[in-house]
Amino acid sequence: MIIKPGLYLHYKNKKYRVLGTGKDSDTFEEFVIYEARYNNPKSKLWVKKKTSFLEEVEINGKKVPRFKFIS
């Protein structure tokens, strides 16, 4: 699945902007590079395995996407 750049909503109601994807130079595993759109003192830029970015999480017994594209 292709992850398009843009604004995403995390299941915890925080917004992130996906900058793009990249690959680990040793394993070729795909990662998503994204930016927090709120004041996060831990970091502004983040990376997550593409498989984890695309997975669903269970909230109150209901499966929802970890990140949902919004624009």
N, C-alpha and C. Protein backbone atom coordinates (compact mmCIF):
# COMPACT_ATOMS: atom_id res chain seq x y z
N MET A 1 0.84 -1.18 0.00
CA MET A 1 0.00 0.00 0.00
C MET A 1 0.88 1.25 0.00
N ILE A 2 0.50 2.22 -0.80
CA ILE A 2 1.24 3.48 -0.88
C ILE A 2 0.71 4.43 0.19
N ILE A 3 1.62 5.06 0.91
CA ILE A 3 1.25 6.06 1.90
C ILE A 3 1.53 7.42 1.28
N LYS A 4 0.46 8.20 1.08
CA LYS A 4 0.66 9.49 0.44
C LYS A 4 1.00 10.56 1.48
N PRO A 5 1.83 11.51 1.09
CA PRO A 5 2.13 12.63 1.99
C PRO A 5 0.86 13.42 2.30
N GLY A 6 0.81 14.01 3.46
CA GLY A 6 -0.33 14.81 3.85
C GLY A 6 -0.59 14.74 5.34
N LEU A 7 -1.73 15.23 5.72
CA LEU A 7 -2.12 15.32 7.12
C LEU A 7 -2.86 14.05 7.55
N TYR A 8 -2.46 13.51 8.70
CA TYR A 8 -3.06 12.30 9.24
C TYR A 8 -3.49 12.55 10.68
N LEU A 9 -4.53 11.86 11.08
CA LEU A 9 -5.00 11.92 12.45
C LEU A 9 -4.65 10.60 13.13
N HIS A 10 -3.91 10.68 14.22
CA HIS A 10 -3.57 9.51 15.03
C HIS A 10 -4.79 9.13 15.86
N TYR A 11 -4.91 7.87 16.21
CA TYR A 11 -6.09 7.42 16.95
C TYR A 11 -6.22 8.10 18.32
N LYS A 12 -5.16 8.73 18.82
CA LYS A 12 -5.23 9.47 20.09
C LYS A 12 -5.56 10.95 19.85
N ASN A 13 -6.05 11.26 18.65
CA ASN A 13 -6.49 12.61 18.25
C ASN A 13 -5.38 13.64 18.13
N LYS A 14 -4.18 13.23 17.79
CA LYS A 14 -3.08 14.15 17.50
C LYS A 14 -2.87 14.15 15.99
N LYS A 15 -2.53 15.31 15.44
CA LYS A 15 -2.31 15.42 14.00
C LYS A 15 -0.82 15.34 13.68
N TYR A 16 -0.54 14.68 12.55
CA TYR A 16 0.82 14.53 12.05
C TYR A 16 0.81 14.77 10.54
N ARG A 17 1.93 15.27 10.05
CA ARG A 17 2.08 15.45 8.60
C ARG A 17 3.10 14.44 8.10
N VAL A 18 2.66 13.55 7.23
CA VAL A 18 3.57 12.58 6.63
C VAL A 18 4.39 13.28 5.56
N LEU A 19 5.71 13.17 5.69
CA LEU A 19 6.62 13.78 4.73
C LEU A 19 6.93 12.82 3.58
N GLY A 20 6.92 11.54 3.88
CA GLY A 20 7.21 10.55 2.86
C GLY A 20 7.60 9.23 3.49
N THR A 21 8.14 8.35 2.68
CA THR A 21 8.59 7.06 3.16
C THR A 21 10.06 6.88 2.78
N GLY A 22 10.71 5.96 3.46
CA GLY A 22 12.10 5.65 3.17
C GLY A 22 12.38 4.21 3.52
N LYS A 23 13.58 3.76 3.18
CA LYS A 23 13.96 2.37 3.44
C LYS A 23 15.24 2.34 4.26
N ASP A 24 15.29 1.36 5.15
CA ASP A 24 16.51 1.10 5.90
C ASP A 24 17.57 0.65 4.90
N SER A 25 18.75 1.23 4.98
CA SER A 25 19.79 0.95 3.98
C SER A 25 20.37 -0.46 4.12
N ASP A 26 20.18 -1.10 5.25
CA ASP A 26 20.70 -2.47 5.42
C ASP A 26 19.66 -3.53 5.13
N THR A 27 18.44 -3.31 5.61
CA THR A 27 17.40 -4.35 5.49
C THR A 27 16.37 -4.05 4.41
N PHE A 28 16.34 -2.82 3.92
CA PHE A 28 15.36 -2.36 2.94
C PHE A 28 13.93 -2.35 3.49
N GLU A 29 13.79 -2.44 4.81
CA GLU A 29 12.47 -2.33 5.43
C GLU A 29 11.96 -0.91 5.26
N GLU A 30 10.66 -0.78 4.97
CA GLU A 30 10.07 0.54 4.72
C GLU A 30 9.64 1.23 6.01
N PHE A 31 9.87 2.54 6.04
CA PHE A 31 9.51 3.37 7.18
C PHE A 31 8.74 4.60 6.68
N VAL A 32 7.91 5.14 7.56
CA VAL A 32 7.18 6.37 7.29
C VAL A 32 7.85 7.48 8.10
N ILE A 33 8.10 8.61 7.45
CA ILE A 33 8.70 9.77 8.11
C ILE A 33 7.60 10.81 8.28
N TYR A 34 7.38 11.23 9.53
CA TYR A 34 6.28 12.16 9.77
C TYR A 34 6.63 13.17 10.84
N GLU A 35 5.87 14.27 10.84
CA GLU A 35 6.13 15.42 11.69
C GLU A 35 4.93 15.69 12.60
N ALA A 36 5.18 15.89 13.88
CA ALA A 36 4.12 16.25 14.82
C ALA A 36 3.61 17.64 14.47
N ARG A 37 2.29 17.80 14.43
CA ARG A 37 1.68 19.10 14.13
C ARG A 37 1.18 19.77 15.42
N TYR A 38 1.83 19.42 16.51
CA TYR A 38 1.53 20.02 17.81
C TYR A 38 2.86 20.13 18.56
N ASN A 39 2.87 20.82 19.65
CA ASN A 39 4.11 21.01 20.40
C ASN A 39 4.42 19.73 21.18
N ASN A 40 5.32 18.93 20.66
CA ASN A 40 5.73 17.69 21.30
C ASN A 40 7.17 17.88 21.78
N PRO A 41 7.40 17.96 23.09
CA PRO A 41 8.75 18.22 23.60
C PRO A 41 9.73 17.09 23.35
N LYS A 42 9.26 15.88 23.05
CA LYS A 42 10.15 14.74 22.83
C LYS A 42 10.83 14.79 21.47
N SER A 43 10.09 15.21 20.44
CA SER A 43 10.64 15.30 19.09
C SER A 43 9.60 15.91 18.15
N LYS A 44 10.07 16.54 17.11
CA LYS A 44 9.18 17.07 16.06
C LYS A 44 9.04 16.05 14.93
N LEU A 45 10.14 15.37 14.60
CA LEU A 45 10.14 14.39 13.52
C LEU A 45 10.18 12.97 14.08
N TRP A 46 9.44 12.09 13.40
CA TRP A 46 9.32 10.71 13.84
C TRP A 46 9.44 9.76 12.65
N VAL A 47 9.82 8.51 12.92
CA VAL A 47 9.80 7.44 11.92
C VAL A 47 9.10 6.24 12.55
N LYS A 48 8.38 5.51 11.73
CA LYS A 48 7.68 4.32 12.19
C LYS A 48 7.69 3.31 11.05
N LYS A 49 7.82 2.04 11.42
CA LYS A 49 7.74 1.00 10.39
C LYS A 49 6.42 1.15 9.65
N LYS A 50 6.49 1.00 8.34
CA LYS A 50 5.28 1.14 7.52
C LYS A 50 4.20 0.18 7.97
N THR A 51 4.56 -1.05 8.31
CA THR A 51 3.57 -2.04 8.73
C THR A 51 2.87 -1.59 10.01
N SER A 52 3.61 -0.98 10.92
CA SER A 52 3.02 -0.48 12.17
C SER A 52 2.16 0.75 11.91
N PHE A 53 2.60 1.62 11.01
CA PHE A 53 1.84 2.82 10.66
C PHE A 53 0.46 2.45 10.11
N LEU A 54 0.41 1.36 9.34
CA LEU A 54 -0.82 0.94 8.68
C LEU A 54 -1.72 0.05 9.52
N GLU A 55 -1.23 -0.41 10.67
CA GLU A 55 -2.04 -1.36 11.43
C GLU A 55 -3.22 -0.71 12.12
N GLU A 56 -4.15 -1.56 12.52
CA GLU A 56 -5.31 -1.12 13.28
C GLU A 56 -5.03 -1.39 14.76
N VAL A 57 -5.62 -0.56 15.62
CA VAL A 57 -5.52 -0.73 17.06
C VAL A 57 -6.94 -0.89 17.61
N GLU A 58 -7.04 -1.53 18.74
CA GLU A 58 -8.35 -1.74 19.34
C GLU A 58 -8.61 -0.70 20.42
N ILE A 59 -9.70 0.03 20.27
CA ILE A 59 -10.13 1.05 21.22
C ILE A 59 -11.57 0.72 21.63
N ASN A 60 -11.77 0.49 22.92
CA ASN A 60 -13.10 0.16 23.44
C ASN A 60 -13.77 -0.98 22.65
N GLY A 61 -12.97 -1.98 22.31
CA GLY A 61 -13.49 -3.14 21.61
C GLY A 61 -13.69 -2.96 20.11
N LYS A 62 -13.32 -1.79 19.58
CA LYS A 62 -13.49 -1.52 18.16
C LYS A 62 -12.13 -1.29 17.51
N LYS A 63 -11.93 -1.89 16.33
CA LYS A 63 -10.67 -1.70 15.61
C LYS A 63 -10.73 -0.42 14.79
N VAL A 64 -9.70 0.40 14.94
CA VAL A 64 -9.59 1.66 14.19
C VAL A 64 -8.17 1.77 13.65
N PRO A 65 -7.99 2.51 12.55
CA PRO A 65 -6.63 2.69 12.02
C PRO A 65 -5.77 3.50 12.99
N ARG A 66 -4.49 3.12 13.10
CA ARG A 66 -3.56 3.87 13.94
C ARG A 66 -3.46 5.31 13.43
N PHE A 67 -3.35 5.48 12.11
CA PHE A 67 -3.30 6.79 11.46
C PHE A 67 -4.35 6.81 10.35
N LYS A 68 -5.10 7.91 10.28
CA LYS A 68 -6.13 8.07 9.25
C LYS A 68 -5.83 9.30 8.42
N PHE A 69 -5.76 9.16 7.11
CA PHE A 69 -5.51 10.28 6.21
C PHE A 69 -6.68 11.26 6.27
N ILE A 70 -6.39 12.56 6.45
CA ILE A 70 -7.48 13.55 6.48
C ILE A 70 -7.36 14.63 5.40
N SER A 71 -6.16 14.88 4.90
CA SER A 71 -6.05 15.82 3.76
C SER A 71 -4.65 15.82 3.18
